[in-house]
């Protein structure tokens, strides 16, 4: 599963995943404990970074019209230059 995809991309089957609109501690822990994939929606670079910082998150969904988020340099976003 890719780390970052546009909402609606058929490459990421979200039917069996827990899809959250934001990082929610309790929901993340419960889904992870059940072995259920967690997908978080994000509409900014900061939200992408926060979601991917969580080991429970399998993938981040960004709005289909936000190609700029798909091209984020995740290493730079996380660690800077």
Protein backbone atom coordinates (compact mmCIF):
# COMPACT_ATOMS: atom_id res chain seq x y z
CA UNK A 1 0.00 0.00 0.00
CA UNK A 2 1.46 3.41 -0.91
CA UNK A 3 2.06 5.93 1.86
CA UNK A 4 0.29 8.77 0.09
CA UNK A 5 -2.54 8.59 -2.48
CA UNK A 6 -5.36 10.69 -3.89
CA UNK A 7 -8.81 9.99 -2.49
CA UNK A 8 -10.66 7.57 -4.74
CA UNK A 9 -7.52 5.94 -6.16
CA UNK A 10 -8.42 2.31 -6.86
CA UNK A 11 -4.89 1.26 -5.87
CA UNK A 12 -5.90 1.65 -2.24
CA UNK A 13 -8.87 -0.50 -1.25
CA UNK A 14 -10.33 1.30 1.75
CA UNK A 15 -13.36 -0.94 2.22
CA UNK A 16 -11.63 -3.04 4.88
CA UNK A 17 -9.63 -0.21 6.43
CA UNK A 18 -10.56 2.18 9.19
CA UNK A 19 -10.70 5.57 7.47
CA UNK A 20 -10.28 8.56 9.76
CA UNK A 21 -10.62 12.27 9.04
CA UNK A 22 -7.87 13.02 11.56
CA UNK A 23 -5.42 11.21 13.80
CA UNK A 24 -7.46 9.79 16.70
CA UNK A 25 -5.42 8.03 19.38
CA UNK A 26 -7.99 5.54 20.62
CA UNK A 27 -9.26 4.58 17.17
CA UNK A 28 -5.69 4.08 15.91
CA UNK A 29 -4.78 1.83 18.81
CA UNK A 30 -7.94 -0.26 18.56
CA UNK A 31 -7.65 -0.80 14.81
CA UNK A 32 -3.95 -1.59 15.07
CA UNK A 33 -4.60 -4.12 17.85
CA UNK A 34 -7.20 -5.80 15.61
CA UNK A 35 -4.79 -5.91 12.68
CA UNK A 36 -7.03 -3.60 10.70
CA UNK A 37 -5.33 -1.14 8.30
CA UNK A 38 -5.70 2.54 9.18
CA UNK A 39 -6.06 5.24 6.53
CA UNK A 40 -6.14 8.94 7.46
CA UNK A 41 -7.40 11.81 5.32
CA UNK A 42 -5.18 14.92 5.14
CA UNK A 43 -5.57 18.21 3.30
CA UNK A 44 -2.30 19.93 4.23
CA UNK A 45 1.39 19.09 4.45
CA UNK A 46 1.20 19.36 8.24
CA UNK A 47 -1.68 16.86 8.39
CA UNK A 48 0.22 14.47 6.10
CA UNK A 49 3.28 14.70 8.34
CA UNK A 50 1.24 14.13 11.51
CA UNK A 51 -0.54 11.10 10.07
CA UNK A 52 2.60 9.46 8.69
CA UNK A 53 4.40 10.00 11.99
CA UNK A 54 2.08 7.38 13.47
CA UNK A 55 3.23 3.77 12.94
CA UNK A 56 -0.39 2.59 12.94
CA UNK A 57 -1.21 4.57 9.79
CA UNK A 58 -0.84 2.51 6.63
CA UNK A 59 -1.72 5.26 4.17
CA UNK A 60 -2.75 8.90 3.91
CA UNK A 61 -5.52 9.99 1.54
CA UNK A 62 -5.33 13.51 0.11
CA UNK A 63 -8.05 15.31 -1.85
CA UNK A 64 -8.04 14.36 -5.53
CA UNK A 65 -7.51 18.01 -6.49
CA UNK A 66 -4.36 18.40 -4.35
CA UNK A 67 -1.61 17.02 -6.59
CA UNK A 68 0.84 19.21 -4.67
CA UNK A 69 0.42 16.97 -1.64
CA UNK A 70 1.16 13.87 -3.69
CA UNK A 71 4.52 15.30 -4.67
CA UNK A 72 5.66 16.17 -1.14
CA UNK A 73 9.21 15.21 -0.30
CA UNK A 74 8.38 13.15 2.77
CA UNK A 75 11.99 12.91 3.92
CA UNK A 76 12.42 16.69 3.80
CA UNK A 77 9.02 17.21 5.41
CA UNK A 78 10.00 14.93 8.29
CA UNK A 79 13.67 15.75 8.80
CA UNK A 80 14.25 19.04 6.97
CA UNK A 81 17.36 19.65 4.93
